């Protein structure tokens, strides 16, 4: 190979590794996350936020288990961002505000960690865009609650975006949604649903990511209960850095021989 051919191969190999060495399969079966059923803890190294509740009041709204955002996980592996959501909110819940029923929202990403969610992953079909599409420069629908937690649909809190209503598509995510599951948390008879997805690092880059830490957010269309996790920046594993160093050394040797 020529030098200019070797370097892209090595750099690609470097960024194929992530913060957790695990074989994730996006199929809605969460066994590969290593989650311990009683306390929702995942494999060490996976960033998580766990907020399992059981009473009728959530934060800031009401709805109990049916609108509970319970746990959100994120990690990098094999050149992809993997996200897992656990919720008591059924994905098939209809969007019917007149009947006091609100559907599932989309996933929002804040690369600047400044409360401005300019990237979204569209999961639920029937609204804006393609199911599984990754969008930047997005516009969001918002929920029913003000920043102070008061019921105020006319002045909702922009810190909890619900679903996409506009944006520019930059790529696709792979995703799967589980059926109803029980046996997790303190209240083992509660119903739970899992959203599992992956997004290539290259798609995140196309959406404007510079490799630094960021936030992932999810809530329902009413924003009765929201959850946020902050995965780390994308740091290659030591073995990958060694591979890059070896590649640079080889390239340097080839350059000297050609000279």
Protein backbone atom coordinates (compact mmCIF):
# COMPACT_ATOMS: atom_id res chain seq x y z
CA UNK A 1 0.00 0.00 0.00
CA UNK A 2 1.02 3.60 -0.47
CA UNK A 3 1.33 5.86 2.58
CA UNK A 4 -1.86 7.71 1.77
CA UNK A 5 -3.66 4.35 1.61
CA UNK A 6 -2.28 3.02 4.90
CA UNK A 7 -3.19 5.96 7.12
CA UNK A 8 -6.97 5.98 6.48
CA UNK A 9 -7.10 2.24 7.20
CA UNK A 10 -5.26 2.67 10.50
CA UNK A 11 -7.25 5.70 11.55
CA UNK A 12 -10.46 3.83 10.76
CA UNK A 13 -9.29 0.91 12.88
CA UNK A 14 -8.49 3.29 15.72
CA UNK A 15 -11.97 4.81 15.78
CA UNK A 16 -13.62 1.39 15.55
CA UNK A 17 -13.01 0.94 19.26
CA UNK A 18 -14.96 2.64 22.01
CA UNK A 19 -15.17 3.06 25.74
CA UNK A 20 -16.70 -0.37 26.40
CA UNK A 21 -15.56 -3.61 24.81
CA UNK A 22 -18.88 -5.38 24.34
CA UNK A 23 -20.72 -6.98 21.48
CA UNK A 24 -23.98 -5.02 21.37
CA UNK A 25 -26.79 -6.20 19.14
CA UNK A 26 -29.62 -3.74 18.55
CA UNK A 27 -32.58 -6.08 18.91
CA UNK A 28 -34.53 -4.88 21.97
CA UNK A 29 -33.04 -7.70 24.07
CA UNK A 30 -30.95 -5.89 26.69
CA UNK A 31 -28.93 -8.84 27.95
CA UNK A 32 -25.76 -7.47 26.35
CA UNK A 33 -25.94 -4.37 28.61
CA UNK A 34 -25.36 -6.48 31.73
CA UNK A 35 -28.23 -4.80 33.60
CA UNK A 36 -28.90 -6.11 37.10
CA UNK A 37 -32.68 -6.38 37.40
CA UNK A 38 -33.15 -5.24 41.03
CA UNK A 39 -31.22 -1.96 40.78
CA UNK A 40 -30.94 -1.22 37.03
CA UNK A 41 -27.12 -1.06 37.19
CA UNK A 42 -25.40 -1.85 33.88
CA UNK A 43 -21.94 -3.15 32.98
CA UNK A 44 -19.21 -0.94 34.54
CA UNK A 45 -18.09 1.74 32.11
CA UNK A 46 -21.56 2.37 30.68
CA UNK A 47 -22.85 5.80 31.62
CA UNK A 48 -26.33 5.72 33.14
CA UNK A 49 -29.03 7.74 34.84
CA UNK A 50 -31.47 5.71 36.95
CA UNK A 51 -34.69 7.32 38.22
CA UNK A 52 -37.14 4.46 38.73
CA UNK A 53 -40.28 5.70 40.51
CA UNK A 54 -43.62 4.19 41.45
CA UNK A 55 -45.92 6.90 42.83
CA UNK A 56 -48.37 9.01 40.80
CA UNK A 57 -46.29 12.21 40.81
CA UNK A 58 -43.33 12.28 38.45
CA UNK A 59 -41.13 15.25 37.56
CA UNK A 60 -42.73 17.64 36.84
CA UNK A 61 -46.05 15.98 35.90
CA UNK A 62 -48.28 13.09 36.86
CA UNK A 63 -48.99 9.70 35.35
CA UNK A 64 -47.23 7.18 37.55
CA UNK A 65 -45.68 4.09 36.03
CA UNK A 66 -47.43 4.61 32.70
CA UNK A 67 -45.39 7.80 32.14
CA UNK A 68 -42.23 6.93 34.07
CA UNK A 69 -38.83 7.49 32.42
CA UNK A 70 -36.84 4.97 34.44
CA UNK A 71 -33.28 4.63 33.18
CA UNK A 72 -31.15 5.88 30.30
CA UNK A 73 -27.80 4.38 29.29
CA UNK A 74 -25.15 5.37 26.73
CA UNK A 75 -21.75 4.09 25.69
CA UNK A 76 -19.42 3.86 22.71
CA UNK A 77 -18.40 0.55 21.20
CA UNK A 78 -17.04 -0.49 17.80
CA UNK A 79 -17.28 3.01 16.33
CA UNK A 80 -20.91 3.52 17.37
CA UNK A 81 -22.86 5.30 20.06
CA UNK A 82 -25.27 2.89 21.76
CA UNK A 83 -28.28 4.21 23.69
CA UNK A 84 -30.75 2.26 25.83
CA UNK A 85 -33.91 3.67 27.42
CA UNK A 86 -36.06 1.93 30.02
CA UNK A 87 -39.53 3.39 30.52
CA UNK A 88 -42.92 2.42 31.86
CA UNK A 89 -44.51 4.32 28.96
CA UNK A 90 -45.83 1.95 26.30
CA UNK A 91 -44.50 2.84 22.80
CA UNK A 92 -47.99 2.27 21.38
CA UNK A 93 -49.60 4.90 23.65
CA UNK A 94 -51.74 7.04 21.30
CA UNK A 95 -51.20 10.76 20.91
CA UNK A 96 -54.63 12.03 21.94
CA UNK A 97 -54.36 15.08 24.21
CA UNK A 98 -58.13 15.45 24.30
CA UNK A 99 -58.30 12.01 25.89
CA UNK A 100 -55.40 12.77 28.26
CA UNK A 101 -53.12 10.40 26.34
CA UNK A 102 -49.66 11.35 25.08
CA UNK A 103 -47.39 9.32 22.83
CA UNK A 104 -43.67 8.66 23.09
CA UNK A 105 -41.17 11.36 22.20
CA UNK A 106 -37.95 11.32 20.19
CA UNK A 107 -34.36 11.38 21.45
CA UNK A 108 -32.64 14.76 21.75
CA UNK A 109 -28.87 15.38 21.76
CA UNK A 110 -27.12 18.47 23.12
CA UNK A 111 -23.55 18.50 21.81
CA UNK A 112 -22.76 21.78 23.54
CA UNK A 113 -24.28 20.67 26.88
CA UNK A 114 -25.82 24.13 27.05
CA UNK A 115 -29.50 23.19 26.99
CA UNK A 116 -29.82 23.69 23.23
CA UNK A 117 -30.85 20.40 21.64
CA UNK A 118 -29.99 20.85 17.99
CA UNK A 119 -29.77 17.14 17.06
CA UNK A 120 -32.56 14.57 17.26
CA UNK A 121 -33.09 10.87 16.62
CA UNK A 122 -36.59 10.25 15.28
CA UNK A 123 -37.93 6.97 16.63
CA UNK A 124 -41.72 6.97 16.57
CA UNK A 125 -43.23 6.88 13.04
CA UNK A 126 -46.18 9.04 12.14
CA UNK A 127 -44.73 12.45 12.90
CA UNK A 128 -42.01 14.46 11.20
CA UNK A 129 -39.32 12.70 9.16
CA UNK A 130 -38.17 9.11 8.82
CA UNK A 131 -38.28 6.65 11.69
CA UNK A 132 -34.65 6.14 12.71
CA UNK A 133 -33.51 9.34 11.02
CA UNK A 134 -30.82 11.50 12.65
CA UNK A 135 -31.47 15.22 12.16
CA UNK A 136 -29.59 18.41 12.96
CA UNK A 137 -30.71 22.05 12.97
CA UNK A 138 -33.93 20.72 14.47
CA UNK A 139 -37.08 22.35 15.74
CA UNK A 140 -38.85 20.71 18.65
CA UNK A 141 -42.34 20.25 19.97
CA UNK A 142 -42.48 20.90 23.71
CA UNK A 143 -44.49 19.55 26.64
CA UNK A 144 -47.09 20.83 29.08
CA UNK A 145 -44.93 22.16 31.90
CA UNK A 146 -43.10 25.43 32.50
CA UNK A 147 -39.52 25.70 33.75
CA UNK A 148 -40.90 26.11 37.29
CA UNK A 149 -42.88 22.85 37.02
CA UNK A 150 -46.27 24.49 36.66
CA UNK A 151 -48.80 23.19 34.14
CA UNK A 152 -48.44 25.80 31.40
CA UNK A 153 -48.77 24.50 27.82
CA UNK A 154 -48.57 28.08 26.52
CA UNK A 155 -45.07 28.53 27.97
CA UNK A 156 -43.43 25.07 28.13
CA UNK A 157 -39.88 24.44 29.31
CA UNK A 158 -37.48 24.28 26.29
CA UNK A 159 -35.06 22.19 28.36
CA UNK A 160 -37.29 19.14 27.80
CA UNK A 161 -37.92 18.77 24.05
CA UNK A 162 -40.47 16.11 23.20
CA UNK A 163 -40.66 15.29 19.48
CA UNK A 164 -39.18 16.56 16.25
CA UNK A 165 -41.16 18.95 14.08
CA UNK A 166 -38.39 19.94 11.64
CA UNK A 167 -34.71 19.50 10.80
CA UNK A 168 -32.13 18.33 8.24
CA UNK A 169 -31.49 14.62 7.93
CA UNK A 170 -27.80 13.65 8.17
CA UNK A 171 -28.02 9.86 8.56
CA UNK A 172 -29.81 6.93 10.13
CA UNK A 173 -29.79 5.14 13.46
CA UNK A 174 -30.49 1.45 13.96
CA UNK A 175 -33.11 0.85 16.62
CA UNK A 176 -35.40 -1.74 18.18
CA UNK A 177 -38.16 -1.50 20.78
CA UNK A 178 -38.96 -4.35 23.13
CA UNK A 179 -42.37 -5.62 24.10
CA UNK A 180 -43.62 -5.44 27.68
CA UNK A 181 -41.16 -6.68 30.33
CA UNK A 182 -41.48 -7.19 34.08
CA UNK A 183 -39.10 -8.21 36.87
CA UNK A 184 -37.00 -5.01 37.04
CA UNK A 185 -36.56 -2.55 39.88
CA UNK A 186 -38.05 -2.63 43.36
CA UNK A 187 -41.59 -3.15 42.05
CA UNK A 188 -41.14 -6.28 39.97
CA UNK A 189 -44.70 -6.40 38.69
CA UNK A 190 -44.37 -3.02 36.94
CA UNK A 191 -44.41 -2.95 33.14
CA UNK A 192 -41.27 -1.79 31.34
CA UNK A 193 -40.35 -1.15 27.70
CA UNK A 194 -36.86 -0.78 26.25
CA UNK A 195 -35.67 1.35 23.34
CA UNK A 196 -32.26 0.26 22.06
CA UNK A 197 -30.34 2.01 19.28
CA UNK A 198 -26.95 2.69 17.72
CA UNK A 199 -25.59 5.59 15.68
CA UNK A 200 -22.30 5.55 13.77
CA UNK A 201 -19.73 8.06 14.97
CA UNK A 202 -19.51 9.33 11.38
CA UNK A 203 -23.22 10.29 11.53
CA UNK A 204 -22.65 12.17 14.79
CA UNK A 205 -19.75 13.99 13.14
CA UNK A 206 -21.98 14.90 10.19
CA UNK A 207 -24.50 16.29 12.69
CA UNK A 208 -21.84 18.62 14.09
CA UNK A 209 -20.20 16.63 16.88
CA UNK A 210 -16.57 17.49 17.67
CA UNK A 211 -15.87 14.44 19.86
CA UNK A 212 -16.49 16.11 23.23
CA UNK A 213 -18.94 15.04 25.94
CA UNK A 214 -22.64 15.68 25.32
CA UNK A 215 -26.14 15.00 26.70
CA UNK A 216 -28.86 12.62 25.52
CA UNK A 217 -32.46 13.37 26.60
CA UNK A 218 -35.82 11.64 26.29
CA UNK A 219 -39.38 12.32 27.41
CA UNK A 220 -42.95 11.70 26.31
CA UNK A 221 -44.96 14.22 24.26
CA UNK A 222 -46.41 15.67 27.48
CA UNK A 223 -42.97 15.84 29.19
CA UNK A 224 -44.48 14.46 32.40
CA UNK A 225 -41.19 12.75 33.18
CA UNK A 226 -37.87 13.31 31.42
CA UNK A 227 -34.44 11.72 31.72
CA UNK A 228 -30.94 12.72 30.64
CA UNK A 229 -27.59 10.95 30.44
CA UNK A 230 -24.18 12.44 29.65
CA UNK A 231 -21.91 9.96 27.87
CA UNK A 232 -18.21 10.80 27.75
CA UNK A 233 -16.31 12.14 24.78
CA UNK A 234 -15.13 9.52 22.33
CA UNK A 235 -11.70 8.34 23.52
CA UNK A 236 -9.91 5.57 21.57
CA UNK A 237 -8.78 2.59 23.61
CA UNK A 238 -5.01 2.28 24.37
CA UNK A 239 -4.66 -0.57 21.91
CA UNK A 240 -6.04 1.62 19.16
CA UNK A 241 -3.59 4.40 19.96
CA UNK A 242 -0.76 1.89 19.80
CA UNK A 243 -2.04 0.75 16.42
CA UNK A 244 -2.05 4.32 15.17
CA UNK A 245 1.50 4.83 16.46
CA UNK A 246 2.64 1.67 14.69
CA UNK A 247 1.01 2.86 11.49
CA UNK A 248 2.71 6.24 11.68
CA UNK A 249 6.06 4.55 12.29
CA UNK A 250 5.56 2.27 9.26
CA UNK A 251 4.51 5.22 7.15
CA UNK A 252 7.57 7.17 8.27
CA UNK A 253 9.84 4.23 7.38
CA UNK A 254 8.32 3.93 3.93
CA UNK A 255 8.76 7.66 3.38
CA UNK A 256 12.46 7.43 4.34
CA UNK A 257 13.02 4.47 2.00
CA UNK A 258 11.39 6.34 -0.85
CA UNK A 259 13.60 9.34 -0.16
